[in-house]
PDB file of N, CA and C in Angstrom:
ATOM      1  N   MET A   1      -7.650  -4.940  -9.134  1.00  0.00           N
ATOM      2  CA  MET A   1      -6.418  -4.142  -9.075  1.00  0.00           C
ATOM      3  C   MET A   1      -6.815  -2.392  -8.771  1.00  0.00           C
ATOM      4  N   SER A   2      -7.930  -1.904  -8.926  1.00  0.00           N
ATOM      5  CA  SER A   2      -8.406  -0.668  -8.721  1.00  0.00           C
ATOM      6  C   SER A   2      -8.888  -0.491  -7.492  1.00  0.00           C
ATOM      7  N   GLY A   3      -9.060  -1.531  -6.789  1.00  0.00           N
ATOM      8  CA  GLY A   3      -9.425  -1.377  -5.787  1.00  0.00           C
ATOM      9  C   GLY A   3      -8.683  -1.003  -5.076  1.00  0.00           C
ATOM     10  N   ALA A   4      -7.352  -1.484  -5.030  1.00  0.00           N
ATOM     11  CA  ALA A   4      -6.082  -1.508  -3.909  1.00  0.00           C
ATOM     12  C   ALA A   4      -5.559   0.159  -4.272  1.00  0.00           C
ATOM     13  N   ILE A   5      -5.453   0.603  -5.653  1.00  0.00           N
ATOM     14  CA  ILE A   5      -5.391   1.600  -5.787  1.00  0.00           C
ATOM     15  C   ILE A   5      -6.131   2.864  -5.195  1.00  0.00           C
ATOM     16  N   ARG A   6      -7.378   2.634  -5.291  1.00  0.00           N
ATOM     17  CA  ARG A   6      -8.609   3.705  -4.462  1.00  0.00           C
ATOM     18  C   ARG A   6      -8.211   3.671  -3.005  1.00  0.00           C
ATOM     19  N   GLU A   7      -8.099   2.339  -2.428  1.00  0.00           N
ATOM     20  CA  GLU A   7      -7.777   2.213  -0.913  1.00  0.00           C
ATOM     21  C   GLU A   7      -6.466   2.990  -0.761  1.00  0.00           C
ATOM     22  N   LEU A   8      -5.433   2.528  -1.606  1.00  0.00           N
ATOM     23  CA  LEU A   8      -4.182   3.378  -0.857  1.00  0.00           C
ATOM     24  C   LEU A   8      -4.376   4.849  -1.216  1.00  0.00           C
ATOM     25  N   ALA A   9      -5.092   5.405  -2.335  1.00  0.00           N
ATOM     26  CA  ALA A   9      -5.305   7.118  -2.645  1.00  0.00           C
ATOM     27  C   ALA A   9      -5.931   7.457  -1.163  1.00  0.00           C
ATOM     28  N   LEU A  10      -6.651   6.915  -0.833  1.00  0.00           N
ATOM     29  CA  LEU A  10      -7.913   6.843   0.332  1.00  0.00           C
ATOM     30  C   LEU A  10      -7.001   7.225   1.699  1.00  0.00           C
ATOM     31  N   PHE A  11      -6.682   6.360   1.977  1.00  0.00           N
ATOM     32  CA  PHE A  11      -5.640   5.912   3.002  1.00  0.00           C
ATOM     33  C   PHE A  11      -4.309   7.407   3.306  1.00  0.00           C
ATOM     34  N   ASN A  12      -4.103   7.481   2.177  1.00  0.00           N
ATOM     35  CA  ASN A  12      -2.749   8.167   2.038  1.00  0.00           C
ATOM     36  C   ASN A  12      -3.430   9.861   2.224  1.00  0.00           C
ATOM     37  N   LEU A  13      -4.740  10.176   1.548  1.00  0.00           N
ATOM     38  CA  LEU A  13      -4.887  11.385   1.791  1.00  0.00           C
ATOM     39  C   LEU A  13      -6.156  11.609   3.279  1.00  0.00           C
ATOM     40  N   ALA A  14      -6.227  10.695   3.810  1.00  0.00           N
ATOM     41  CA  ALA A  14      -6.782  10.364   5.256  1.00  0.00           C
ATOM     42  C   ALA A  14      -5.231  10.885   6.184  1.00  0.00           C
ATOM     43  N   ILE A  15      -4.329  10.180   5.821  1.00  0.00           N
ATOM     44  CA  ILE A  15      -3.188  10.745   6.749  1.00  0.00           C
ATOM     45  C   ILE A  15      -2.772  12.257   6.327  1.00  0.00           C
ATOM     46  N   ASP A  16      -2.989  12.081   5.180  1.00  0.00           N
ATOM     47  CA  ASP A  16      -2.119  13.899   4.891  1.00  0.00           C
ATOM     48  C   ASP A  16      -3.062  14.690   5.277  1.00  0.00           C
ATOM     49  N   SER A  17      -4.896  14.525   5.439  1.00  0.00           N
ATOM     50  CA  SER A  17      -5.701  15.851   5.511  1.00  0.00           C
ATOM     51  C   SER A  17      -6.321  15.771   7.187  1.00  0.00           C
ATOM     52  N   LYS A  18      -6.109  14.302   7.360  1.00  0.00           N
ATOM     53  CA  LYS A  18      -6.782  14.244   9.069  1.00  0.00           C
ATOM     54  C   LYS A  18      -8.039  14.458   8.718  1.00  0.00           C
ATOM     55  N   LEU A  19      -9.133  14.455   7.963  1.00  0.00           N
ATOM     56  CA  LEU A  19     -10.179  14.585   7.709  1.00  0.00           C
ATOM     57  C   LEU A  19     -11.170  13.269   8.222  1.00  0.00           C
ATOM     58  N   ARG A  20     -12.786  13.907   8.347  1.00  0.00           N
ATOM     59  CA  ARG A  20     -13.122  12.464   8.995  1.00  0.00           C
ATOM     60  C   ARG A  20     -14.018  11.757   7.398  1.00  0.00           C
ATOM     61  N   ALA A  21     -14.069  10.254   7.798  1.00  0.00           N
ATOM     62  CA  ALA A  21     -14.292   9.857   6.901  1.00  0.00           C
ATOM     63  C   ALA A  21     -15.482  10.053   5.697  1.00  0.00           C
ATOM     64  N   ARG A  22     -16.582  10.971   6.359  1.00  0.00           N
ATOM     65  CA  ARG A  22     -17.267  11.460   6.023  1.00  0.00           C
ATOM     66  C   ARG A  22     -17.282  12.606   5.150  1.00  0.00           C
ATOM     67  N   ASP A  23     -16.014  13.503   5.061  1.00  0.00           N
ATOM     68  CA  ASP A  23     -15.483  14.697   4.644  1.00  0.00           C
ATOM     69  C   ASP A  23     -14.205  14.150   3.399  1.00  0.00           C
ATOM     70  N   LEU A  24     -13.780  12.741   3.419  1.00  0.00           N
ATOM     71  CA  LEU A  24     -13.067  12.035   2.394  1.00  0.00           C
ATOM     72  C   LEU A  24     -13.629  11.868   1.331  1.00  0.00           C
ATOM     73  N   VAL A  25     -15.116  10.893   1.530  1.00  0.00           N
ATOM     74  CA  VAL A  25     -15.657  10.269   0.581  1.00  0.00           C
ATOM     75  C   VAL A  25     -16.453  11.439  -0.128  1.00  0.00           C
ATOM     76  N   LYS A  26     -16.617  12.940   0.184  1.00  0.00           N
ATOM     77  CA  LYS A  26     -17.540  13.748  -0.091  1.00  0.00           C
ATOM     78  C   LYS A  26     -16.499  14.565  -1.261  1.00  0.00           C
ATOM     79  N   LEU A  27     -15.185  14.669  -1.094  1.00  0.00           N
ATOM     80  CA  LEU A  27     -14.179  15.558  -2.146  1.00  0.00           C
ATOM     81  C   LEU A  27     -14.376  15.012  -3.265  1.00  0.00           C
ATOM     82  N   ARG A  28     -14.131  16.076  -4.026  1.00  0.00           N
ATOM     83  CA  ARG A  28     -14.177  16.368  -5.699  1.00  0.00           C
ATOM     84  C   ARG A  28     -12.707  16.186  -6.205  1.00  0.00           C
ATOM     85  N   VAL A  29     -13.179  15.892  -7.465  1.00  0.00           N
ATOM     86  CA  VAL A  29     -11.692  15.960  -8.029  1.00  0.00           C
ATOM     87  C   VAL A  29     -11.269  17.487  -8.230  1.00  0.00           C
ATOM     88  N   GLU A  30     -11.952  18.407  -8.466  1.00  0.00           N
ATOM     89  CA  GLU A  30     -11.575  19.804  -8.713  1.00  0.00           C
ATOM     90  C   GLU A  30     -11.059  20.123  -7.318  1.00  0.00           C
ATOM     91  N   ASP A  31     -11.367  19.553  -6.057  1.00  0.00           N
ATOM     92  CA  ASP A  31     -10.791  19.828  -5.037  1.00  0.00           C
ATOM     93  C   ASP A  31      -9.504  19.814  -4.545  1.00  0.00           C
ATOM     94  N   LEU A  32      -8.567  18.704  -5.670  1.00  0.00           N
ATOM     95  CA  LEU A  32      -7.170  18.325  -5.248  1.00  0.00           C
ATOM     96  C   LEU A  32      -6.633  18.703  -6.688  1.00  0.00           C
ATOM     97  N   TRP A  33      -7.384  19.001  -7.920  1.00  0.00           N
ATOM     98  CA  TRP A  33      -6.735  18.927  -9.301  1.00  0.00           C
ATOM     99  C   TRP A  33      -6.942  20.639  -9.748  1.00  0.00           C
ATOM    100  N   SER A  34      -5.903  20.838 -10.380  1.00  0.00           N
ATOM    101  CA  SER A  34      -5.906  22.451 -10.748  1.00  0.00           C
ATOM    102  C   SER A  34      -5.199  21.955 -12.193  1.00  0.00           C
ATOM    103  N   GLY A  35      -6.168  22.128 -12.631  1.00  0.00           N
ATOM    104  CA  GLY A  35      -5.665  22.057 -14.667  1.00  0.00           C
ATOM    105  C   GLY A  35      -5.441  20.597 -14.584  1.00  0.00           C
ATOM    106  N   SER A  36      -4.103  20.210 -14.804  1.00  0.00           N
ATOM    107  CA  SER A  36      -3.678  18.769 -15.140  1.00  0.00           C
ATOM    108  C   SER A  36      -2.685  18.489 -13.969  1.00  0.00           C
ATOM    109  N   SER A  37      -2.473  19.309 -13.099  1.00  0.00           N
ATOM    110  CA  SER A  37      -1.246  18.693 -11.764  1.00  0.00           C
ATOM    111  C   SER A  37      -2.281  18.592 -10.185  1.00  0.00           C
ATOM    112  N   ILE A  38      -2.070  18.227  -9.552  1.00  0.00           N
ATOM    113  CA  ILE A  38      -2.477  17.683  -8.249  1.00  0.00           C
ATOM    114  C   ILE A  38      -1.788  19.179  -7.400  1.00  0.00           C
ATOM    115  N   ARG A  39      -2.714  20.081  -6.613  1.00  0.00           N
ATOM    116  CA  ARG A  39      -2.331  21.138  -5.501  1.00  0.00           C
ATOM    117  C   ARG A  39      -1.356  20.567  -4.569  1.00  0.00           C
ATOM    118  N   ASP A  40      -0.905  21.442  -4.393  1.00  0.00           N
ATOM    119  CA  ASP A  40       0.143  21.242  -3.013  1.00  0.00           C
ATOM    120  C   ASP A  40      -0.583  21.335  -1.807  1.00  0.00           C
ATOM    121  N   ARG A  41      -1.674  22.097  -1.974  1.00  0.00           N
ATOM    122  CA  ARG A  41      -2.432  22.403  -0.465  1.00  0.00           C
ATOM    123  C   ARG A  41      -3.973  22.332  -1.132  1.00  0.00           C
ATOM    124  N   ALA A  42      -4.795  22.272  -0.155  1.00  0.00           N
ATOM    125  CA  ALA A  42      -5.820  22.272  -0.149  1.00  0.00           C
ATOM    126  C   ALA A  42      -6.812  22.835   0.827  1.00  0.00           C
ATOM    127  N   THR A  43      -7.638  23.526   0.943  1.00  0.00           N
ATOM    128  CA  THR A  43      -8.818  23.910   2.216  1.00  0.00           C
ATOM    129  C   THR A  43      -9.946  23.134   1.916  1.00  0.00           C
ATOM    130  N   ILE A  44     -10.570  22.465   2.800  1.00  0.00           N
ATOM    131  CA  ILE A  44     -12.005  21.756   2.585  1.00  0.00           C
ATOM    132  C   ILE A  44     -12.585  21.906   3.633  1.00  0.00           C
ATOM    133  N   ILE A  45     -13.981  22.555   3.774  1.00  0.00           N
ATOM    134  CA  ILE A  45     -14.924  22.796   4.799  1.00  0.00           C
ATOM    135  C   ILE A  45     -15.334  21.434   5.223  1.00  0.00           C
ATOM    136  N   GLN A  46     -15.012  21.152   6.632  1.00  0.00           N
ATOM    137  CA  GLN A  46     -15.492  20.158   7.183  1.00  0.00           C
ATOM    138  C   GLN A  46     -16.808  20.237   7.705  1.00  0.00           C
ATOM    139  N   LYS A  47     -17.597  19.178   7.126  1.00  0.00           N
ATOM    140  CA  LYS A  47     -19.349  19.042   7.556  1.00  0.00           C
ATOM    141  C   LYS A  47     -19.785  18.863   8.993  1.00  0.00           C
ATOM    142  N   LYS A  48     -19.088  18.459   9.753  1.00  0.00           N
ATOM    143  CA  LYS A  48     -19.145  18.626  11.300  1.00  0.00           C
ATOM    144  C   LYS A  48     -19.130  20.168  12.091  1.00  0.00           C
ATOM    145  N   THR A  49     -17.790  20.252  12.276  1.00  0.00           N
ATOM    146  CA  THR A  49     -17.444  21.715  12.295  1.00  0.00           C
ATOM    147  C   THR A  49     -17.723  23.026  11.706  1.00  0.00           C
ATOM    148  N   LYS A  50     -18.001  22.853  10.333  1.00  0.00           N
ATOM    149  CA  LYS A  50     -18.266  23.754   9.121  1.00  0.00           C
ATOM    150  C   LYS A  50     -16.791  24.763   9.510  1.00  0.00           C
ATOM    151  N   ARG A  51     -15.731  24.173   9.838  1.00  0.00           N
ATOM    152  CA  ARG A  51     -14.640  24.940  10.042  1.00  0.00           C
ATOM    153  C   ARG A  51     -13.403  24.324   8.474  1.00  0.00           C
ATOM    154  N   PRO A  52     -12.837  24.980   8.082  1.00  0.00           N
ATOM    155  CA  PRO A  52     -11.887  25.142   7.169  1.00  0.00           C
ATOM    156  C   PRO A  52     -10.552  24.374   7.513  1.00  0.00           C
ATOM    157  N   VAL A  53     -10.134  23.444   7.098  1.00  0.00           N
ATOM    158  CA  VAL A  53      -9.504  22.451   7.081  1.00  0.00           C
ATOM    159  C   VAL A  53      -8.138  22.380   5.980  1.00  0.00           C
ATOM    160  N   GLN A  54      -6.924  23.195   6.488  1.00  0.00           N
ATOM    161  CA  GLN A  54      -6.214  23.286   4.949  1.00  0.00           C
ATOM    162  C   GLN A  54      -5.033  22.161   5.289  1.00  0.00           C
ATOM    163  N   PHE A  55      -4.760  21.642   4.347  1.00  0.00           N
ATOM    164  CA  PHE A  55      -3.758  20.306   4.375  1.00  0.00           C
ATOM    165  C   PHE A  55      -2.646  20.357   3.072  1.00  0.00           C
ATOM    166  N   GLU A  56      -1.376  19.993   3.351  1.00  0.00           N
ATOM    167  CA  GLU A  56      -0.409  19.801   2.055  1.00  0.00           C
ATOM    168  C   GLU A  56      -0.892  18.338   1.842  1.00  0.00           C
ATOM    169  N   VAL A  57      -0.755  18.280   0.384  1.00  0.00           N
ATOM    170  CA  VAL A  57      -0.830  16.944  -0.112  1.00  0.00           C
ATOM    171  C   VAL A  57       0.752  16.228  -0.524  1.00  0.00           C
ATOM    172  N   THR A  58       1.157  15.697   0.190  1.00  0.00           N
ATOM    173  CA  THR A  58       2.620  14.755   0.125  1.00  0.00           C
ATOM    174  C   THR A  58       2.722  14.240  -1.386  1.00  0.00           C
ATOM    175  N   GLU A  59       3.757  14.229  -1.586  1.00  0.00           N
ATOM    176  CA  GLU A  59       4.275  13.230  -3.262  1.00  0.00           C
ATOM    177  C   GLU A  59       3.748  12.206  -3.054  1.00  0.00           C
ATOM    178  N   GLN A  60       3.763  10.984  -1.818  1.00  0.00           N
ATOM    179  CA  GLN A  60       3.504   9.689  -2.272  1.00  0.00           C
ATOM    180  C   GLN A  60       1.981   9.902  -2.273  1.00  0.00           C
ATOM    181  N   THR A  61       0.981  10.933  -1.192  1.00  0.00           N
ATOM    182  CA  THR A  61      -0.391  10.983  -2.068  1.00  0.00           C
ATOM    183  C   THR A  61      -0.728  11.310  -3.440  1.00  0.00           C
ATOM    184  N   LYS A  62       0.234  12.650  -4.032  1.00  0.00           N
ATOM    185  CA  LYS A  62       0.145  12.535  -5.146  1.00  0.00           C
ATOM    186  C   LYS A  62       0.335  11.751  -6.494  1.00  0.00           C
ATOM    187  N   THR A  63       1.294  10.760  -5.904  1.00  0.00           N
ATOM    188  CA  THR A  63       1.720   9.506  -6.813  1.00  0.00           C
ATOM    189  C   THR A  63       0.271   8.429  -6.577  1.00  0.00           C
ATOM    190  N   ALA A  64      -0.236   8.435  -5.844  1.00  0.00           N
ATOM    191  CA  ALA A  64      -1.425   6.909  -5.562  1.00  0.00           C
ATOM    192  C   ALA A  64      -2.615   7.908  -6.388  1.00  0.00           C
ATOM    193  N   LEU A  65      -2.688   9.643  -6.226  1.00  0.00           N
ATOM    194  CA  LEU A  65      -4.051   9.737  -6.754  1.00  0.00           C
ATOM    195  C   LEU A  65      -3.737   9.771  -8.171  1.00  0.00           C
ATOM    196  N   VAL A  66      -2.717  10.319  -8.742  1.00  0.00           N
ATOM    197  CA  VAL A  66      -2.488  10.197 -10.265  1.00  0.00           C
ATOM    198  C   VAL A  66      -2.631   8.758 -10.755  1.00  0.00           C
ATOM    199  N   ALA A  67      -2.422   7.454 -10.171  1.00  0.00           N
ATOM    200  CA  ALA A  67      -2.506   6.211 -10.410  1.00  0.00           C
ATOM    201  C   ALA A  67      -4.291   6.022  -9.909  1.00  0.00           C
ATOM    202  N   TRP A  68      -4.846   6.699  -9.577  1.00  0.00           N
ATOM    203  CA  TRP A  68      -6.240   6.598  -9.110  1.00  0.00           C
ATOM    204  C   TRP A  68      -7.157   7.462 -10.169  1.00  0.00           C
ATOM    205  N   LEU A  69      -6.532   8.407 -11.018  1.00  0.00           N
ATOM    206  CA  LEU A  69      -7.523   9.246 -11.651  1.00  0.00           C
ATOM    207  C   LEU A  69      -7.709   8.585 -13.245  1.00  0.00           C
ATOM    208  N   PRO A  70      -7.253   7.668 -13.958  1.00  0.00           N
ATOM    209  CA  PRO A  70      -7.793   7.040 -14.757  1.00  0.00           C
ATOM    210  C   PRO A  70      -9.171   6.424 -14.714  1.00  0.00           C
ATOM    211  N   PHE A  71      -9.226   5.612 -13.034  1.00  0.00           N
ATOM    212  CA  PHE A  71     -10.254   5.118 -13.031  1.00  0.00           C
ATOM    213  C   PHE A  71     -11.541   5.811 -12.514  1.00  0.00           C
ATOM    214  N   ILE A  72     -11.459   6.959 -11.502  1.00  0.00           N
ATOM    215  CA  ILE A  72     -12.440   8.012 -12.059  1.00  0.00           C
ATOM    216  C   ILE A  72     -13.093   8.309 -13.249  1.00  0.00           C
ATOM    217  N   ARG A  73     -12.054   9.421 -13.748  1.00  0.00           N
ATOM    218  CA  ARG A  73     -12.382   9.569 -15.538  1.00  0.00           C
ATOM    219  C   ARG A  73     -12.990   8.240 -16.365  1.00  0.00           C
ATOM    220  N   ARG A  74     -12.923   7.401 -16.014  1.00  0.00           N
ATOM    221  CA  ARG A  74     -13.367   6.106 -16.784  1.00  0.00           C
ATOM    222  C   ARG A  74     -14.906   6.053 -16.608  1.00  0.00           C
ATOM    223  N   ASN A  75     -15.326   6.121 -15.462  1.00  0.00           N
ATOM    224  CA  ASN A  75     -16.627   6.022 -14.710  1.00  0.00           C
ATOM    225  C   ASN A  75     -17.067   7.551 -14.524  1.00  0.00           C
ATOM    226  N   GLY A  76     -16.596   8.512 -15.387  1.00  0.00           N
ATOM    227  CA  GLY A  76     -17.210  10.371 -15.746  1.00  0.00           C
ATOM    228  C   GLY A  76     -17.732  10.432 -14.387  1.00  0.00           C
ATOM    229  N   GLY A  77     -17.076  10.273 -13.421  1.00  0.00           N
ATOM    230  CA  GLY A  77     -17.782  10.831 -11.755  1.00  0.00           C
ATOM    231  C   GLY A  77     -16.970  11.961 -11.385  1.00  0.00           C
ATOM    232  N   SER A  78     -17.593  12.819 -10.805  1.00  0.00           N
ATOM    233  CA  SER A  78     -16.959  14.090  -9.946  1.00  0.00           C
ATOM    234  C   SER A  78     -16.155  13.870  -8.843  1.00  0.00           C
ATOM    235  N   TYR A  79     -17.003  12.623  -8.076  1.00  0.00           N
ATOM    236  CA  TYR A  79     -16.459  12.517  -6.874  1.00  0.00           C
ATOM    237  C   TYR A  79     -14.760  11.886  -6.788  1.00  0.00           C
ATOM    238  N   LEU A  80     -14.030  12.137  -5.997  1.00  0.00           N
ATOM    239  CA  LEU A  80     -12.745  11.378  -5.909  1.00  0.00           C
ATOM    240  C   LEU A  80     -12.999  10.055  -5.765  1.00  0.00           C
ATOM    241  N   PHE A  81     -13.556   9.659  -4.660  1.00  0.00           N
ATOM    242  CA  PHE A  81     -13.641   8.299  -4.128  1.00  0.00           C
ATOM    243  C   PHE A  81     -15.189   7.996  -4.277  1.00  0.00           C
ATOM    244  N   PRO A  82     -15.614   8.003  -5.729  1.00  0.00           N
ATOM    245  CA  PRO A  82     -17.334   7.273  -5.922  1.00  0.00           C
ATOM    246  C   PRO A  82     -16.954   5.699  -5.141  1.00  0.00           C
ATOM    247  N   LYS A  83     -18.504   5.362  -4.451  1.00  0.00           N
ATOM    248  CA  LYS A  83     -18.816   4.479  -3.937  1.00  0.00           C
ATOM    249  C   LYS A  83     -18.645   3.425  -5.193  1.00  0.00           C
ATOM    250  N   PRO A  84     -17.915   2.193  -4.645  1.00  0.00           N
ATOM    251  CA  PRO A  84     -17.614   1.012  -5.361  1.00  0.00           C
ATOM    252  C   PRO A  84     -18.923   0.150  -6.078  1.00  0.00           C
ATOM    253  N   VAL A  85     -18.655   0.216  -7.461  1.00  0.00           N
ATOM    254  CA  VAL A  85     -20.352  -0.295  -7.712  1.00  0.00           C
ATOM    255  C   VAL A  85     -20.847  -1.352  -7.482  1.00  0.00           C
ATOM    256  N   GLU A  86     -19.744  -2.403  -6.788  1.00  0.00           N
ATOM    257  CA  GLU A  86     -20.731  -4.021  -6.363  1.00  0.00           C
ATOM    258  C   GLU A  86     -21.297  -3.241  -5.206  1.00  0.00           C
ATOM    259  N   ARG A  87     -20.740  -2.503  -3.892  1.00  0.00           N
ATOM    260  CA  ARG A  87     -21.567  -2.017  -3.085  1.00  0.00           C
ATOM    261  C   ARG A  87     -22.693  -1.410  -3.670  1.00  0.00           C
ATOM    262  N   LEU A  88     -22.689  -0.461  -4.351  1.00  0.00           N
ATOM    263  CA  LEU A  88     -23.749   0.133  -5.319  1.00  0.00           C
ATOM    264  C   LEU A  88     -24.791  -0.648  -5.595  1.00  0.00           C
ATOM    265  N   SER A  89     -24.887  -1.623  -6.275  1.00  0.00           N
ATOM    266  CA  SER A  89     -25.850  -2.721  -6.703  1.00  0.00           C
ATOM    267  C   SER A  89     -26.247  -3.105  -5.671  1.00  0.00           C
ATOM    268  N   ALA A  90     -25.437  -3.545  -4.989  1.00  0.00           N
ATOM    269  CA  ALA A  90     -26.027  -4.091  -3.468  1.00  0.00           C
ATOM    270  C   ALA A  90     -26.938  -3.819  -2.841  1.00  0.00           C
ATOM    271  N   SER A  91     -26.820  -2.179  -2.634  1.00  0.00           N
ATOM    272  CA  SER A  91     -27.748  -1.747  -1.820  1.00  0.00           C
ATOM    273  C   SER A  91     -28.958  -1.155  -2.707  1.00  0.00           C
ATOM    274  N   VAL A  92     -28.981  -0.866  -3.822  1.00  0.00           N
ATOM    275  CA  VAL A  92     -29.856  -0.443  -4.320  1.00  0.00           C
ATOM    276  C   VAL A  92     -31.157  -2.031  -4.672  1.00  0.00           C
ATOM    277  N   ASN A  93     -30.151  -3.203  -5.102  1.00  0.00           N
ATOM    278  CA  ASN A  93     -31.098  -4.755  -4.218  1.00  0.00           C
ATOM    279  C   ASN A  93     -31.831  -4.748  -3.466  1.00  0.00           C
ATOM    280  N   GLU A  94     -31.013  -4.146  -2.608  1.00  0.00           N
ATOM    281  CA  GLU A  94     -31.991  -4.766  -0.994  1.00  0.00           C
ATOM    282  C   GLU A  94     -33.281  -3.196  -1.115  1.00  0.00           C
ATOM    283  N   ALA A  95     -32.953  -2.334  -1.861  1.00  0.00           N
ATOM    284  CA  ALA A  95     -33.810  -1.415  -1.814  1.00  0.00           C
ATOM    285  C   ALA A  95     -35.139  -2.071  -2.106  1.00  0.00           C
ATOM    286  N   VAL A  96     -34.922  -2.533  -3.536  1.00  0.00           N
ATOM    287  CA  VAL A  96     -36.254  -3.095  -4.303  1.00  0.00           C
ATOM    288  C   VAL A  96     -36.663  -4.351  -3.747  1.00  0.00           C
ATOM    289  N   ARG A  97     -36.083  -5.064  -3.025  1.00  0.00           N
ATOM    290  CA  ARG A  97     -36.521  -6.158  -2.049  1.00  0.00           C
ATOM    291  C   ARG A  97     -37.301  -5.629  -0.959  1.00  0.00           C
ATOM    292  N   ALA A  98     -36.573  -4.622  -0.753  1.00  0.00           N
ATOM    293  CA  ALA A  98     -37.320  -3.715   0.612  1.00  0.00           C
ATOM    294  C   ALA A  98     -38.778  -3.211   0.141  1.00  0.00           C
ATOM    295  N   ASP A  99     -38.491  -2.446  -0.917  1.00  0.00           N
ATOM    296  CA  ASP A  99     -39.763  -1.761  -1.277  1.00  0.00           C
ATOM    297  C   ASP A  99     -40.889  -3.090  -1.959  1.00  0.00           C
ATOM    298  N   CYS A 100     -40.621  -4.149  -2.649  1.00  0.00           N
ATOM    299  CA  CYS A 100     -41.281  -4.752  -3.566  1.00  0.00           C
ATOM    300  C   CYS A 100     -40.861  -6.372  -2.956  1.00  0.00           C
ATOM    301  N   PRO A 101     -41.247  -7.069  -2.290  1.00  0.00           N
ATOM    302  CA  PRO A 101     -41.019  -7.864  -1.548  1.00  0.00           C
ATOM    303  C   PRO A 101     -41.227  -9.456  -2.919  1.00  0.00           C
ATOM    304  N   ALA A 102     -42.331  -8.845  -3.609  1.00  0.00           N
ATOM    305  CA  ALA A 102     -42.733  -9.995  -4.775  1.00  0.00           C
ATOM    306  C   ALA A 102     -41.527 -10.057  -5.516  1.00  0.00           C
ATOM    307  N   LEU A 103     -40.986  -9.144  -5.737  1.00  0.00           N
ATOM    308  CA  LEU A 103     -39.936  -9.103  -6.592  1.00  0.00           C
ATOM    309  C   LEU A 103     -38.303  -9.736  -5.875  1.00  0.00           C
ATOM    310  N   GLY A 104     -38.356  -9.446  -4.507  1.00  0.00           N
ATOM    311  CA  GLY A 104     -36.931 -10.197  -4.247  1.00  0.00           C
ATOM    312  C   GLY A 104     -36.997 -11.569  -4.315  1.00  0.00           C
TER     313      GLY A 104
END
């Protein structure tokens, strides 16, 4: 269920912000949260162009982000959309196999 909530929040935020994928996955919780509520507007510096992008966070996106927040807090991360654990562990396993063929 958390995967669907994450994808909905990511999709809605992508539509609102029109940011590139690499900028979306680098967002931190504090980029959108102010105290206990989600900001109405946010400004993010794009990595590629180094220009600020200001966007409004719609109510639909706020609802998805509020549903997603408990999963972020449970994992103790500061990124809004951390890499899913199963993909992270798979990439670690691949790195170990590449560096230590005897272990793979």
